Every structure is written in structure tokens, then in C-alpha cells.
Protein backbone atom coordinates (compact mmCIF):
# COMPACT_ATOMS: atom_id res chain seq x y z
CA UNK A 1 0.31 -0.19 -0.03
CA UNK A 2 0.70 3.10 -0.67
CA UNK A 3 0.60 6.33 1.82
CA UNK A 4 1.56 9.86 2.40
CA UNK A 5 4.93 10.64 3.30
CA UNK A 6 5.17 11.14 7.14
CA UNK A 7 8.37 12.25 8.67
CA UNK A 8 9.00 9.16 10.50
CA UNK A 9 9.88 7.51 7.80
CA UNK A 10 12.92 9.84 6.83
CA UNK A 11 15.61 7.55 7.43
CA UNK A 12 14.34 5.06 5.71
CA UNK A 13 14.01 7.09 2.15
CA UNK A 14 17.90 8.36 3.47
CA UNK A 15 18.26 5.46 3.17
CA UNK A 16 16.90 3.92 0.71
CA UNK A 17 18.86 7.66 -1.49
CA UNK A 18 22.48 6.66 -0.20
CA UNK A 19 22.58 3.03 -1.17
CA UNK A 20 20.16 3.39 -4.52
CA UNK A 21 22.95 6.85 -5.46
CA UNK A 22 26.14 3.87 -4.93
CA UNK A 23 24.37 1.49 -6.72
CA UNK A 24 23.32 4.56 -10.04
CA UNK A 25 26.67 6.83 -9.80
CA UNK A 26 29.20 3.85 -9.17
CA UNK A 27 32.17 6.02 -10.98
CA UNK A 28 31.69 8.05 -7.70
CA UNK A 29 32.97 7.63 -5.02
CA UNK A 30 31.64 5.27 -1.31
CA UNK A 31 33.58 7.74 0.68
CA UNK A 32 31.65 11.31 -1.22
CA UNK A 33 27.93 9.91 -0.70
CA UNK A 34 28.89 8.69 2.33
CA UNK A 35 31.42 12.03 4.86
CA UNK A 36 28.54 14.90 2.61
CA UNK A 37 25.27 12.76 2.99
CA UNK A 38 24.55 14.79 6.64
CA UNK A 39 23.67 17.63 3.29
CA UNK A 40 21.82 15.63 2.09
CA UNK A 41 19.61 14.93 4.81
CA UNK A 42 19.86 18.12 5.95
CA UNK A 43 18.35 20.03 2.15
CA UNK A 44 16.23 16.69 2.26
CA UNK A 45 13.55 18.75 5.58
CA UNK A 46 13.75 21.99 4.34
CA UNK A 47 11.71 21.43 2.10
């Protein structure tokens, strides 16, 4: 079942985002995604 996003979903959504970016952009070092993860997470929460 699909439902509206809830703030409690944010942690899991961001983990999916991180994993997806690692897979889709394998030419970029995983360290980049992990070290910039806090910035991306804060951008996500501002929306």
C-alpha cells in the first residue's frame, strides 16, 4: 500500500536514497556520498 510520506519515514527514505546513489553513480567514490550525507539529509528536511 502506498501512503503519504511521514516525518517518521525520513531515516529509511534517506537510507534508500544513499543506497540508490551508490548503485546509480558507481563512478563516484562511496566515501563522497557518506561524507556529504549530512548535507543532503539537511537539504531534504528543508523541503
